[in-house]
Amino acid sequence: MRKVLFTLLAMFALCPAVVLGGQPVNRQKIGLTMQTLNGAYFSAQEETFIKLCKEKGIEYVTADANGDTNAELANVENFITEGCTVVVINPVHPEGTIEATRKCAEAGVAVFIMDNSISPRANYVSMIQSDNYALGTLVGADIGAHFGRKNIVLGFLSGNTGNTLGLARRMGALAGIVEYQLETHGRSAVDIATQGWGGWNQADGQKAAENMLTAAPEINCIFAENDDMALGAREACLAIGRDDIVICGADGNKTMYGLIKQGGQMLATGRNDPSECAAKVIETIEKWSGGEPVQKLVYLTPVSVSARNIATYYNPNSAF
C-alpha cells in the first residue's frame, strides 16, 4: 500500500511550467484520440472538443481507440501523416501510450494529455485532468459521514486494470473514509470485501456488480470509479432487492445527479465534468500556441456532489 501511494504522489505532484508553441491556435491542426467512446462521459467529452474547435476555427480530426493501445498508436500515426501539429490523447494505458508520445516527439508534434493519466516518462506538454485522488477523498469523507460509527463493508467497482485514474480514485476514497472515521471517532471501521472490473460502462458495470454481490453479499457500500458503472451497480442491486447498499461514483453524470437529488441509495459522486475538461484542454493549447507558459499538470477543482450541494450542479438539460 505504501509503495502504491508513493507512486501516486510522484505521478500527481505539481510540475514546473514549460513554454512551447508560438503559432496562433487556429493555425494548428489538432488530432484527438479517445481511449473509448463506449460511455456517455467520453462521448460528451469528444462532442465538446469538436464544438469548441469549430467555434474557434481550429482544424481537427478525431478517432476512437476502443480501449486498444495498438489502435491508439495507429490513430496517432495517422494524425502525424495527416499533418497534425498537435495531438490530444485520452490515454488507454499509462505505460502503453508512451510509444504514441514518442512517435509524436520524433515528428515534432506537441502532445497534450486529456483526462486520464500517463507515465511521467512519456513525452507531452501538459496533462489536463481532475485531481482524481482528491475527488476520491472527498467522496470517501461523504461515505464516512453517512455511515457514522457503523462498519463499512466496501466493494470497489473498477474500470480496467492498470488504469491510474481508477487507482487514484479508489485509493482516495479509501483514504477519505479512514481519515473521516479517525478524525470523528478515533477509530477506523472499513473492510474491503470485493472488487469487480466494469470496463467504465453501465452494462459491464452491472455484470461486475452482480458478481460482487454474489461473492460478498455482506457489502453495504459500493464505490464505482465512474457513474456509468455506478448506475450499472444500481441495476444489479435493484434486481435482487438490495436497496440497502449505498452507491457512490465519480464524473457527475446527470442521471446520477438526478438520483442523488431524489434520495435513496445513490449517495455522492465526484464531479469530473467532461465538457469542462475538454474546454480546459483547448484553453491550455491556446496558451501554449500563443507562447504563454503552461503547467505540466493542470487540475480541475475537485468537488463531491451529494444532497447538500446537488442544486448547484444538477442540470437535467446538460449534455452529460
C-alpha atoms as a PDB file:
ATOM      1  CA  MET A   1       0.000   0.000   0.000  1.00  0.00           C
ATOM      2  CA  ARG A   2       2.795   2.436   0.922  1.00  0.00           C
ATOM      3  CA  LYS A   3       4.535   1.798  -2.413  1.00  0.00           C
ATOM      4  CA  VAL A   4       1.288   2.465  -4.326  1.00  0.00           C
ATOM      5  CA  LEU A   5       0.680   5.741  -2.502  1.00  0.00           C
ATOM      6  CA  PHE A   6       4.270   6.902  -3.068  1.00  0.00           C
ATOM      7  CA  THR A   7       3.894   6.117  -6.776  1.00  0.00           C
ATOM      8  CA  LEU A   8       0.672   8.129  -6.919  1.00  0.00           C
ATOM      9  CA  LEU A   9       2.272  11.075  -5.158  1.00  0.00           C
ATOM     10  CA  ALA A  10       5.144  11.020  -7.633  1.00  0.00           C
ATOM     11  CA  MET A  11       2.819  10.875 -10.642  1.00  0.00           C
ATOM     12  CA  PHE A  12       0.378  13.515  -9.462  1.00  0.00           C
ATOM     13  CA  ALA A  13       2.825  16.030  -7.952  1.00  0.00           C
ATOM     14  CA  LEU A  14       2.789  19.522  -9.447  1.00  0.00           C
ATOM     15  CA  CYS A  15       5.447  20.032 -12.092  1.00  0.00           C
ATOM     16  CA  PRO A  16       7.190  23.230 -13.218  1.00  0.00           C
ATOM     17  CA  ALA A  17       5.816  25.324 -16.061  1.00  0.00           C
ATOM     18  CA  VAL A  18       7.018  24.846 -19.612  1.00  0.00           C
ATOM     19  CA  VAL A  19       6.908  27.215 -22.586  1.00  0.00           C
ATOM     20  CA  LEU A  20       6.417  25.939 -26.126  1.00  0.00           C
ATOM     21  CA  GLY A  21       4.349  26.807 -29.143  1.00  0.00           C
ATOM     22  CA  GLY A  22       4.323  30.192 -30.795  1.00  0.00           C
ATOM     23  CA  GLN A  23       1.659  29.928 -33.514  1.00  0.00           C
ATOM     24  CA  PRO A  24      -1.987  31.042 -33.212  1.00  0.00           C
ATOM     25  CA  VAL A  25      -4.249  28.154 -32.252  1.00  0.00           C
ATOM     26  CA  ASN A  26      -6.290  28.446 -35.449  1.00  0.00           C
ATOM     27  CA  ARG A  27      -3.119  27.666 -37.401  1.00  0.00           C
ATOM     28  CA  GLN A  28      -2.776  24.360 -35.583  1.00  0.00           C
ATOM     29  CA  LYS A  29      -4.324  21.104 -36.767  1.00  0.00           C
ATOM     30  CA  ILE A  30      -5.313  19.006 -33.773  1.00  0.00           C
ATOM     31  CA  GLY A  31      -5.827  15.260 -33.667  1.00  0.00           C
ATOM     32  CA  LEU A  32      -7.795  13.786 -30.755  1.00  0.00           C
ATOM     33  CA  THR A  33      -7.709  10.078 -29.943  1.00  0.00           C
ATOM     34  CA  MET A  34     -10.168   8.912 -27.285  1.00  0.00           C
ATOM     35  CA  GLN A  35      -9.460   5.815 -25.207  1.00  0.00           C
ATOM     36  CA  THR A  36     -13.083   4.799 -25.855  1.00  0.00           C
ATOM     37  CA  LEU A  37     -16.418   6.269 -26.896  1.00  0.00           C
ATOM     38  CA  ASN A  38     -18.331   3.492 -25.150  1.00  0.00           C
ATOM     39  CA  GLY A  39     -19.944   5.637 -22.461  1.00  0.00           C
ATOM     40  CA  ALA A  40     -21.784   8.936 -22.162  1.00  0.00           C
ATOM     41  CA  TYR A  41     -18.838  10.626 -20.467  1.00  0.00           C
ATOM     42  CA  PHE A  42     -16.390  10.030 -23.291  1.00  0.00           C
ATOM     43  CA  SER A  43     -18.952  10.910 -25.964  1.00  0.00           C
ATOM     44  CA  ALA A  44     -19.734  14.220 -24.243  1.00  0.00           C
ATOM     45  CA  GLN A  45     -16.023  14.979 -23.937  1.00  0.00           C
ATOM     46  CA  GLU A  46     -15.408  14.425 -27.638  1.00  0.00           C
ATOM     47  CA  GLU A  47     -18.541  16.389 -28.602  1.00  0.00           C
ATOM     48  CA  THR A  48     -17.415  19.392 -26.545  1.00  0.00           C
ATOM     49  CA  PHE A  49     -13.924  19.216 -28.026  1.00  0.00           C
ATOM     50  CA  ILE A  50     -15.344  19.204 -31.567  1.00  0.00           C
ATOM     51  CA  LYS A  51     -17.778  22.032 -30.775  1.00  0.00           C
ATOM     52  CA  LEU A  52     -15.005  24.258 -29.396  1.00  0.00           C
ATOM     53  CA  CYS A  53     -12.703  23.555 -32.335  1.00  0.00           C
ATOM     54  CA  LYS A  54     -15.466  24.555 -34.751  1.00  0.00           C
ATOM     55  CA  GLU A  55     -16.220  27.727 -32.791  1.00  0.00           C
ATOM     56  CA  LYS A  56     -12.549  28.755 -32.767  1.00  0.00           C
ATOM     57  CA  GLY A  57     -11.830  27.829 -36.380  1.00  0.00           C
ATOM     58  CA  ILE A  58      -9.392  25.060 -35.433  1.00  0.00           C
ATOM     59  CA  GLU A  59      -8.853  22.259 -37.927  1.00  0.00           C
ATOM     60  CA  TYR A  60      -9.297  18.919 -36.181  1.00  0.00           C
ATOM     61  CA  VAL A  61      -9.686  15.166 -36.613  1.00  0.00           C
ATOM     62  CA  THR A  62     -10.832  12.619 -34.018  1.00  0.00           C
ATOM     63  CA  ALA A  63     -10.585   8.849 -33.622  1.00  0.00           C
ATOM     64  CA  ASP A  64     -11.649   6.142 -31.170  1.00  0.00           C
ATOM     65  CA  ALA A  65      -9.021   3.722 -29.801  1.00  0.00           C
ATOM     66  CA  ASN A  66     -11.759   1.456 -28.428  1.00  0.00           C
ATOM     67  CA  GLY A  67      -9.643   0.532 -25.414  1.00  0.00           C
ATOM     68  CA  ASP A  68      -6.749  -0.786 -27.541  1.00  0.00           C
ATOM     69  CA  THR A  69      -3.246   0.721 -27.308  1.00  0.00           C
ATOM     70  CA  ASN A  70      -2.385  -0.614 -30.771  1.00  0.00           C
ATOM     71  CA  ALA A  71      -5.406   1.194 -32.234  1.00  0.00           C
ATOM     72  CA  GLU A  72      -4.417   4.295 -30.261  1.00  0.00           C
ATOM     73  CA  LEU A  73      -0.911   4.194 -31.750  1.00  0.00           C
ATOM     74  CA  ALA A  74      -2.373   3.749 -35.245  1.00  0.00           C
ATOM     75  CA  ASN A  75      -4.629   6.766 -34.651  1.00  0.00           C
ATOM     76  CA  VAL A  76      -1.646   8.904 -33.665  1.00  0.00           C
ATOM     77  CA  GLU A  77       0.423   7.738 -36.633  1.00  0.00           C
ATOM     78  CA  ASN A  78      -2.478   8.672 -38.921  1.00  0.00           C
ATOM     79  CA  PHE A  79      -2.679  12.119 -37.296  1.00  0.00           C
ATOM     80  CA  ILE A  80       1.034  12.673 -37.968  1.00  0.00           C
ATOM     81  CA  THR A  81       0.616  11.565 -41.596  1.00  0.00           C
ATOM     82  CA  GLU A  82      -2.370  13.915 -41.967  1.00  0.00           C
ATOM     83  CA  GLY A  83      -0.254  16.872 -40.848  1.00  0.00           C
ATOM     84  CA  CYS A  84      -1.482  17.417 -37.307  1.00  0.00           C
ATOM     85  CA  THR A  85       0.739  19.806 -35.360  1.00  0.00           C
ATOM     86  CA  VAL A  86      -0.894  18.964 -32.017  1.00  0.00           C
ATOM     87  CA  VAL A  87      -2.173  15.617 -30.751  1.00  0.00           C
ATOM     88  CA  VAL A  88      -4.504  15.254 -27.771  1.00  0.00           C
ATOM     89  CA  ILE A  89      -4.522  11.799 -26.194  1.00  0.00           C
ATOM     90  CA  ASN A  90      -7.096  10.429 -23.780  1.00  0.00           C
ATOM     91  CA  PRO A  91      -4.768   7.516 -22.889  1.00  0.00           C
ATOM     92  CA  VAL A  92      -5.798   3.885 -22.921  1.00  0.00           C
ATOM     93  CA  HIS A  93      -2.948   2.876 -20.590  1.00  0.00           C
ATOM     94  CA  PRO A  94      -0.309   4.947 -18.718  1.00  0.00           C
ATOM     95  CA  GLU A  95       2.585   2.837 -19.998  1.00  0.00           C
ATOM     96  CA  GLY A  96       1.098   1.523 -23.234  1.00  0.00           C
ATOM     97  CA  THR A  97       0.564   5.059 -24.562  1.00  0.00           C
ATOM     98  CA  ILE A  98       4.233   6.071 -24.192  1.00  0.00           C
ATOM     99  CA  GLU A  99       5.070   4.805 -27.680  1.00  0.00           C
ATOM    100  CA  ALA A 100       2.447   7.114 -29.209  1.00  0.00           C
ATOM    101  CA  THR A 101       4.006  10.137 -27.497  1.00  0.00           C
ATOM    102  CA  ARG A 102       7.470   9.044 -28.704  1.00  0.00           C
ATOM    103  CA  LYS A 103       6.214   8.941 -32.290  1.00  0.00           C
ATOM    104  CA  CYS A 104       4.879  12.474 -31.884  1.00  0.00           C
ATOM    105  CA  ALA A 105       8.158  13.737 -30.436  1.00  0.00           C
ATOM    106  CA  GLU A 106      10.085  12.287 -33.379  1.00  0.00           C
ATOM    107  CA  ALA A 107       7.718  14.080 -35.766  1.00  0.00           C
ATOM    108  CA  GLY A 108       7.864  17.391 -33.881  1.00  0.00           C
ATOM    109  CA  VAL A 109       4.211  17.133 -32.859  1.00  0.00           C
ATOM    110  CA  ALA A 110       3.144  18.511 -29.467  1.00  0.00           C
ATOM    111  CA  VAL A 111       1.152  16.183 -27.207  1.00  0.00           C
ATOM    112  CA  PHE A 112      -1.478  17.141 -24.629  1.00  0.00           C
ATOM    113  CA  ILE A 113      -2.968  14.519 -22.308  1.00  0.00           C
ATOM    114  CA  MET A 114      -6.690  14.791 -21.568  1.00  0.00           C
ATOM    115  CA  ASP A 115      -8.487  13.390 -18.533  1.00  0.00           C
ATOM    116  CA  ASN A 116      -6.697  10.105 -17.978  1.00  0.00           C
ATOM    117  CA  SER A 117      -3.100   9.831 -16.738  1.00  0.00           C
ATOM    118  CA  ILE A 118       0.082   8.796 -18.468  1.00  0.00           C
ATOM    119  CA  SER A 119       3.501   7.752 -17.211  1.00  0.00           C
ATOM    120  CA  PRO A 120       5.845  10.641 -16.342  1.00  0.00           C
ATOM    121  CA  ARG A 121       8.296   9.004 -18.784  1.00  0.00           C
ATOM    122  CA  ALA A 122       6.021   9.991 -21.670  1.00  0.00           C
ATOM    123  CA  ASN A 123       6.732  12.962 -23.914  1.00  0.00           C
ATOM    124  CA  TYR A 124       3.989  15.586 -23.528  1.00  0.00           C
ATOM    125  CA  VAL A 125       3.486  19.303 -22.995  1.00  0.00           C
ATOM    126  CA  SER A 126       0.685  19.266 -20.427  1.00  0.00           C
ATOM    127  CA  MET A 127      -1.710  16.819 -18.765  1.00  0.00           C
ATOM    128  CA  ILE A 128      -5.178  18.220 -18.016  1.00  0.00           C
ATOM    129  CA  GLN A 129      -7.438  16.271 -15.679  1.00  0.00           C
ATOM    130  CA  SER A 130      -9.379  16.150 -12.453  1.00  0.00           C
ATOM    131  CA  ASP A 131      -7.446  15.683  -9.239  1.00  0.00           C
ATOM    132  CA  ASN A 132      -8.732  12.129  -9.027  1.00  0.00           C
ATOM    133  CA  TYR A 133      -7.155  11.285  -5.692  1.00  0.00           C
ATOM    134  CA  ALA A 134      -8.706  14.410  -4.159  1.00  0.00           C
ATOM    135  CA  LEU A 135     -12.066  13.536  -5.746  1.00  0.00           C
ATOM    136  CA  GLY A 136     -11.868  10.125  -4.126  1.00  0.00           C
ATOM    137  CA  THR A 137     -11.032  11.535  -0.695  1.00  0.00           C
ATOM    138  CA  LEU A 138     -13.993  13.918  -0.802  1.00  0.00           C
ATOM    139  CA  VAL A 139     -16.437  11.163  -1.770  1.00  0.00           C
ATOM    140  CA  GLY A 140     -14.835   8.919   0.853  1.00  0.00           C
ATOM    141  CA  ALA A 141     -15.480  11.555   3.515  1.00  0.00           C
ATOM    142  CA  ASP A 142     -19.146  11.644   2.480  1.00  0.00           C
ATOM    143  CA  ILE A 143     -19.282   7.858   2.792  1.00  0.00           C
ATOM    144  CA  GLY A 144     -17.735   8.037   6.254  1.00  0.00           C
ATOM    145  CA  ALA A 145     -20.200  10.707   7.347  1.00  0.00           C
ATOM    146  CA  HIS A 146     -23.159   8.701   6.058  1.00  0.00           C
ATOM    147  CA  PHE A 147     -22.244   5.547   7.974  1.00  0.00           C
ATOM    148  CA  GLY A 148     -21.131   7.242  11.162  1.00  0.00           C
ATOM    149  CA  ARG A 149     -19.907   4.616  13.652  1.00  0.00           C
ATOM    150  CA  LYS A 150     -21.296   1.730  11.606  1.00  0.00           C
ATOM    151  CA  ASN A 151     -18.776  -0.621   9.997  1.00  0.00           C
ATOM    152  CA  ILE A 152     -18.409  -0.075   6.263  1.00  0.00           C
ATOM    153  CA  VAL A 153     -18.099  -3.226   4.149  1.00  0.00           C
ATOM    154  CA  LEU A 154     -16.884  -1.866   0.852  1.00  0.00           C
ATOM    155  CA  GLY A 155     -16.826  -3.145  -2.700  1.00  0.00           C
ATOM    156  CA  PHE A 156     -14.737  -1.388  -5.344  1.00  0.00           C
ATOM    157  CA  LEU A 157     -16.193  -1.356  -8.857  1.00  0.00           C
ATOM    158  CA  SER A 158     -13.196  -0.504 -11.028  1.00  0.00           C
ATOM    159  CA  GLY A 159     -12.735   0.337 -14.697  1.00  0.00           C
ATOM    160  CA  ASN A 160      -9.783  -1.614 -16.068  1.00  0.00           C
ATOM    161  CA  THR A 161      -6.530  -2.965 -14.689  1.00  0.00           C
ATOM    162  CA  GLY A 162      -3.501  -0.685 -14.785  1.00  0.00           C
ATOM    163  CA  ASN A 163      -5.591   2.485 -15.088  1.00  0.00           C
ATOM    164  CA  THR A 164      -4.026   5.159 -12.859  1.00  0.00           C
ATOM    165  CA  LEU A 165      -7.149   7.327 -12.876  1.00  0.00           C
ATOM    166  CA  GLY A 166      -9.171   4.498 -11.342  1.00  0.00           C
ATOM    167  CA  LEU A 167      -6.383   3.662  -8.909  1.00  0.00           C
ATOM    168  CA  ALA A 168      -6.213   7.265  -7.718  1.00  0.00           C
ATOM    169  CA  ARG A 169      -9.983   7.426  -7.224  1.00  0.00           C
ATOM    170  CA  ARG A 170     -10.284   4.210  -5.213  1.00  0.00           C
ATOM    171  CA  MET A 171      -7.197   4.873  -3.086  1.00  0.00           C
ATOM    172  CA  GLY A 172      -8.516   8.372  -2.469  1.00  0.00           C
ATOM    173  CA  ALA A 173     -11.932   7.026  -1.477  1.00  0.00           C
ATOM    174  CA  LEU A 174     -10.359   4.614   0.995  1.00  0.00           C
ATOM    175  CA  ALA A 175      -8.159   7.360   2.448  1.00  0.00           C
ATOM    176  CA  GLY A 176     -11.142   9.704   2.730  1.00  0.00           C
ATOM    177  CA  ILE A 177     -13.208   7.121   4.616  1.00  0.00           C
ATOM    178  CA  VAL A 178     -10.395   6.243   7.006  1.00  0.00           C
ATOM    179  CA  GLU A 179      -9.417   9.852   7.681  1.00  0.00           C
ATOM    180  CA  TYR A 180     -13.027  10.853   8.370  1.00  0.00           C
ATOM    181  CA  GLN A 181     -13.501   7.941  10.765  1.00  0.00           C
ATOM    182  CA  LEU A 182     -10.250   8.657  12.597  1.00  0.00           C
ATOM    183  CA  GLU A 183     -10.945  12.376  12.918  1.00  0.00           C
ATOM    184  CA  THR A 184     -14.541  11.868  14.017  1.00  0.00           C
ATOM    185  CA  HIS A 185     -14.500   8.631  16.003  1.00  0.00           C
ATOM    186  CA  GLY A 186     -10.840   7.932  16.722  1.00  0.00           C
ATOM    187  CA  ARG A 187     -11.019   4.547  15.000  1.00  0.00           C
ATOM    188  CA  SER A 188     -11.326   3.106  11.522  1.00  0.00           C
ATOM    189  CA  ALA A 189     -14.046   0.600  10.640  1.00  0.00           C
ATOM    190  CA  VAL A 190     -13.878  -0.241   6.948  1.00  0.00           C
ATOM    191  CA  ASP A 191     -13.327  -3.588   5.227  1.00  0.00           C
ATOM    192  CA  ILE A 192     -12.757  -4.101   1.509  1.00  0.00           C
ATOM    193  CA  ALA A 193     -14.736  -7.229   0.739  1.00  0.00           C
ATOM    194  CA  THR A 194     -14.605  -7.430  -3.058  1.00  0.00           C
ATOM    195  CA  GLN A 195     -13.574  -5.748  -6.299  1.00  0.00           C
ATOM    196  CA  GLY A 196     -15.061  -6.002  -9.770  1.00  0.00           C
ATOM    197  CA  TRP A 197     -13.976  -4.724 -13.186  1.00  0.00           C
ATOM    198  CA  GLY A 198     -16.739  -2.966 -15.087  1.00  0.00           C
ATOM    199  CA  GLY A 199     -14.994  -1.560 -18.167  1.00  0.00           C
ATOM    200  CA  TRP A 200     -16.188   2.010 -17.467  1.00  0.00           C
ATOM    201  CA  ASN A 201     -19.680   1.360 -18.917  1.00  0.00           C
ATOM    202  CA  GLN A 202     -23.090   0.595 -17.426  1.00  0.00           C
ATOM    203  CA  ALA A 203     -23.693  -2.848 -18.943  1.00  0.00           C
ATOM    204  CA  ASP A 204     -20.345  -4.290 -17.891  1.00  0.00           C
ATOM    205  CA  GLY A 205     -20.590  -2.451 -14.583  1.00  0.00           C
ATOM    206  CA  GLN A 206     -23.891  -4.203 -13.910  1.00  0.00           C
ATOM    207  CA  LYS A 207     -22.380  -7.621 -14.676  1.00  0.00           C
ATOM    208  CA  ALA A 208     -19.384  -6.944 -12.460  1.00  0.00           C
ATOM    209  CA  ALA A 209     -21.634  -5.730  -9.633  1.00  0.00           C
ATOM    210  CA  GLU A 210     -23.753  -8.872  -9.923  1.00  0.00           C
ATOM    211  CA  ASN A 211     -20.617 -10.951  -9.425  1.00  0.00           C
ATOM    212  CA  MET A 212     -19.555  -8.779  -6.492  1.00  0.00           C
ATOM    213  CA  LEU A 213     -22.943  -9.199  -4.802  1.00  0.00           C
ATOM    214  CA  THR A 214     -22.665 -12.954  -5.204  1.00  0.00           C
ATOM    215  CA  ALA A 215     -19.091 -13.078  -3.926  1.00  0.00           C
ATOM    216  CA  ALA A 216     -19.650 -10.716  -0.982  1.00  0.00           C
ATOM    217  CA  PRO A 217     -23.349 -10.301  -0.113  1.00  0.00           C
ATOM    218  CA  GLU A 218     -22.329  -8.607   3.140  1.00  0.00           C
ATOM    219  CA  ILE A 219     -21.237  -5.390   1.384  1.00  0.00           C
ATOM    220  CA  ASN A 220     -23.156  -2.270   2.363  1.00  0.00           C
ATOM    221  CA  CYS A 221     -21.357   0.207   0.087  1.00  0.00           C
ATOM    222  CA  ILE A 222     -20.103   0.206  -3.500  1.00  0.00           C
ATOM    223  CA  PHE A 223     -17.661   2.820  -4.722  1.00  0.00           C
ATOM    224  CA  ALA A 224     -17.646   2.838  -8.524  1.00  0.00           C
ATOM    225  CA  GLU A 225     -14.827   4.613 -10.312  1.00  0.00           C
ATOM    226  CA  ASN A 226     -17.274   6.282 -12.685  1.00  0.00           C
ATOM    227  CA  ASP A 227     -21.004   6.998 -12.776  1.00  0.00           C
ATOM    228  CA  ASP A 228     -21.801   4.676 -15.677  1.00  0.00           C
ATOM    229  CA  MET A 229     -20.619   1.741 -13.587  1.00  0.00           C
ATOM    230  CA  ALA A 230     -22.393   3.144 -10.516  1.00  0.00           C
ATOM    231  CA  LEU A 231     -25.645   3.123 -12.472  1.00  0.00           C
ATOM    232  CA  GLY A 232     -24.936  -0.454 -13.507  1.00  0.00           C
ATOM    233  CA  ALA A 233     -24.376  -1.353  -9.858  1.00  0.00           C
ATOM    234  CA  ARG A 234     -27.737   0.195  -9.013  1.00  0.00           C
ATOM    235  CA  GLU A 235     -29.462  -2.027 -11.578  1.00  0.00           C
ATOM    236  CA  ALA A 236     -27.733  -5.082 -10.130  1.00  0.00           C
ATOM    237  CA  CYS A 237     -28.825  -4.134  -6.615  1.00  0.00           C
ATOM    238  CA  LEU A 238     -32.425  -3.393  -7.607  1.00  0.00           C
ATOM    239  CA  ALA A 239     -32.696  -6.739  -9.401  1.00  0.00           C
ATOM    240  CA  ILE A 240     -32.211  -8.572  -6.108  1.00  0.00           C
ATOM    241  CA  GLY A 241     -33.925  -6.072  -3.824  1.00  0.00           C
ATOM    242  CA  ARG A 242     -30.734  -4.670  -2.298  1.00  0.00           C
ATOM    243  CA  ASP A 243     -31.678  -1.007  -1.968  1.00  0.00           C
ATOM    244  CA  ASP A 244     -29.837  -1.010   1.371  1.00  0.00           C
ATOM    245  CA  ILE A 245     -26.460  -0.790  -0.377  1.00  0.00           C
ATOM    246  CA  VAL A 246     -25.074   2.746  -0.635  1.00  0.00           C
ATOM    247  CA  ILE A 247     -23.591   3.522  -4.069  1.00  0.00           C
ATOM    248  CA  CYS A 248     -21.137   6.283  -4.960  1.00  0.00           C
ATOM    249  CA  GLY A 249     -19.451   7.164  -8.219  1.00  0.00           C
ATOM    250  CA  ALA A 250     -17.393   9.771  -9.996  1.00  0.00           C
ATOM    251  CA  ASP A 251     -17.731  12.116 -13.008  1.00  0.00           C
ATOM    252  CA  GLY A 252     -21.100  13.829 -12.472  1.00  0.00           C
ATOM    253  CA  ASN A 253     -23.448  12.110 -14.899  1.00  0.00           C
ATOM    254  CA  LYS A 254     -26.795  13.975 -14.940  1.00  0.00           C
ATOM    255  CA  THR A 255     -28.641  10.693 -14.363  1.00  0.00           C
ATOM    256  CA  MET A 256     -26.526  10.141 -11.260  1.00  0.00           C
ATOM    257  CA  TYR A 257     -27.198  13.717 -10.162  1.00  0.00           C
ATOM    258  CA  GLY A 258     -30.936  13.187 -10.601  1.00  0.00           C
ATOM    259  CA  LEU A 259     -30.877  10.060  -8.443  1.00  0.00           C
ATOM    260  CA  ILE A 260     -28.838  11.817  -5.757  1.00  0.00           C
ATOM    261  CA  LYS A 261     -31.439  14.588  -5.759  1.00  0.00           C
ATOM    262  CA  GLN A 262     -34.248  12.034  -5.342  1.00  0.00           C
ATOM    263  CA  GLY A 263     -32.535  10.495  -2.325  1.00  0.00           C
ATOM    264  CA  GLY A 264     -32.069   6.802  -1.691  1.00  0.00           C
ATOM    265  CA  GLN A 265     -29.045   4.625  -2.220  1.00  0.00           C
ATOM    266  CA  MET A 266     -27.128   6.930  -4.601  1.00  0.00           C
ATOM    267  CA  LEU A 267     -25.143   8.958  -2.069  1.00  0.00           C
ATOM    268  CA  ALA A 268     -22.481  11.014  -3.846  1.00  0.00           C
ATOM    269  CA  THR A 269     -20.307  11.408  -6.906  1.00  0.00           C
ATOM    270  CA  GLY A 270     -17.014  13.162  -7.540  1.00  0.00           C
ATOM    271  CA  ARG A 271     -17.510  15.912 -10.093  1.00  0.00           C
ATOM    272  CA  ASN A 272     -15.345  15.464 -13.181  1.00  0.00           C
ATOM    273  CA  ASP A 273     -17.241  17.281 -15.872  1.00  0.00           C
ATOM    274  CA  PRO A 274     -16.175  16.054 -19.342  1.00  0.00           C
ATOM    275  CA  SER A 275     -17.083  19.326 -21.044  1.00  0.00           C
ATOM    276  CA  GLU A 276     -15.108  21.358 -18.505  1.00  0.00           C
ATOM    277  CA  CYS A 277     -12.108  19.084 -19.034  1.00  0.00           C
ATOM    278  CA  ALA A 278     -12.282  19.367 -22.837  1.00  0.00           C
ATOM    279  CA  ALA A 279     -12.609  23.148 -22.566  1.00  0.00           C
ATOM    280  CA  LYS A 280      -9.584  23.328 -20.271  1.00  0.00           C
ATOM    281  CA  VAL A 281      -7.576  21.307 -22.805  1.00  0.00           C
ATOM    282  CA  ILE A 282      -8.436  23.751 -25.591  1.00  0.00           C
ATOM    283  CA  GLU A 283      -7.650  26.682 -23.277  1.00  0.00           C
ATOM    284  CA  THR A 284      -4.264  25.176 -22.437  1.00  0.00           C
ATOM    285  CA  ILE A 285      -3.461  24.570 -26.116  1.00  0.00           C
ATOM    286  CA  GLU A 286      -4.417  28.195 -26.852  1.00  0.00           C
ATOM    287  CA  LYS A 287      -2.000  29.462 -24.202  1.00  0.00           C
ATOM    288  CA  TRP A 288       0.774  27.205 -25.454  1.00  0.00           C
ATOM    289  CA  SER A 289       0.113  28.248 -29.065  1.00  0.00           C
ATOM    290  CA  GLY A 290       0.468  31.879 -28.067  1.00  0.00           C
ATOM    291  CA  GLY A 291       3.814  31.226 -26.387  1.00  0.00           C
ATOM    292  CA  GLU A 292       2.482  31.507 -22.845  1.00  0.00           C
ATOM    293  CA  PRO A 293       3.845  29.241 -20.104  1.00  0.00           C
ATOM    294  CA  VAL A 294       1.650  26.251 -19.323  1.00  0.00           C
ATOM    295  CA  GLN A 295       1.837  23.892 -16.378  1.00  0.00           C
ATOM    296  CA  LYS A 296       2.903  20.296 -16.889  1.00  0.00           C
ATOM    297  CA  LEU A 297      -0.118  19.270 -14.812  1.00  0.00           C
ATOM    298  CA  VAL A 298      -3.408  21.204 -14.832  1.00  0.00           C
ATOM    299  CA  TYR A 299      -6.126  20.193 -12.373  1.00  0.00           C
ATOM    300  CA  LEU A 300      -9.847  20.898 -12.372  1.00  0.00           C
ATOM    301  CA  THR A 301     -11.336  21.816  -8.979  1.00  0.00           C
ATOM    302  CA  PRO A 302     -12.391  18.652  -7.065  1.00  0.00           C
ATOM    303  CA  VAL A 303     -15.919  18.510  -5.614  1.00  0.00           C
ATOM    304  CA  SER A 304     -18.011  15.717  -4.098  1.00  0.00           C
ATOM    305  CA  VAL A 305     -21.649  16.241  -5.082  1.00  0.00           C
ATOM    306  CA  SER A 306     -24.229  14.930  -2.619  1.00  0.00           C
ATOM    307  CA  ALA A 307     -27.626  16.003  -1.269  1.00  0.00           C
ATOM    308  CA  ARG A 308     -26.057  19.025   0.428  1.00  0.00           C
ATOM    309  CA  ASN A 309     -24.922  20.696  -2.830  1.00  0.00           C
ATOM    310  CA  ILE A 310     -26.796  18.906  -5.615  1.00  0.00           C
ATOM    311  CA  ALA A 311     -28.817  22.022  -6.502  1.00  0.00           C
ATOM    312  CA  THR A 312     -25.604  23.799  -7.527  1.00  0.00           C
ATOM    313  CA  TYR A 313     -24.529  21.180 -10.049  1.00  0.00           C
ATOM    314  CA  TYR A 314     -27.595  19.340 -11.342  1.00  0.00           C
ATOM    315  CA  ASN A 315     -28.755  20.417 -14.794  1.00  0.00           C
ATOM    316  CA  PRO A 316     -31.200  17.941 -16.386  1.00  0.00           C
ATOM    317  CA  ASN A 317     -30.538  19.511 -19.795  1.00  0.00           C
ATOM    318  CA  SER A 318     -26.754  19.121 -19.759  1.00  0.00           C
ATOM    319  CA  ALA A 319     -25.023  17.087 -22.469  1.00  0.00           C
ATOM    320  CA  PHE A 320     -23.671  14.615 -19.922  1.00  0.00           C
END
